[in-house]
Amino acid sequence: MTTRFATPEIVRGSRVTMEEAVMELLPITGSVEVQRDTPNREHPTHTHPVDETLLIIDGTITFTIGEQSWTCDSGDRLLLPAGTLHSSIAGDEGCLYIIKLMEMKSA
C-alpha cells in the first residue's frame, strides 16, 4: 500500500548508515535511488510527479519550499508530496542521500 503525503514534512532522526537507509526505504519489490551532491550543489526550483521520501545519510542539505527552508543532516527525512515546488542546496561538505519514489497506482 502506498502512503500519500498531505503536506511536505521534515522528520528529524538519528545518524544512519548507507545500509540502514537503503533497507529502511527499499520497497518489498522495487528500488531506491542513491544521490550524491557535491559541496554547494544546487537543485533549482522544480516539482516531481510522484511522492518522494529523501533520507539523508551524510553531509547536509537545505530544502526550500515556498518561503520556508530546512537544513537536514544524517537521519533526517523529507516527505515531499507530488507536485510540490521545492529547491535544495547541499552543504559545504556535500550530501549523500537515498530517494524513495512512490508511484501513484492507476485506478
Foldseek 3Di string as FASTA:
>chain_A
DFDADPAKDKDAFDADAPVVQQVVQPDPDDGKDKDWFAAFDKFAWDFAQFKKKKAWHAFWKWKDFDPDIDIGHGGMIITGGGPGTMMMTTHRHTTIIIMHTGDDDDD
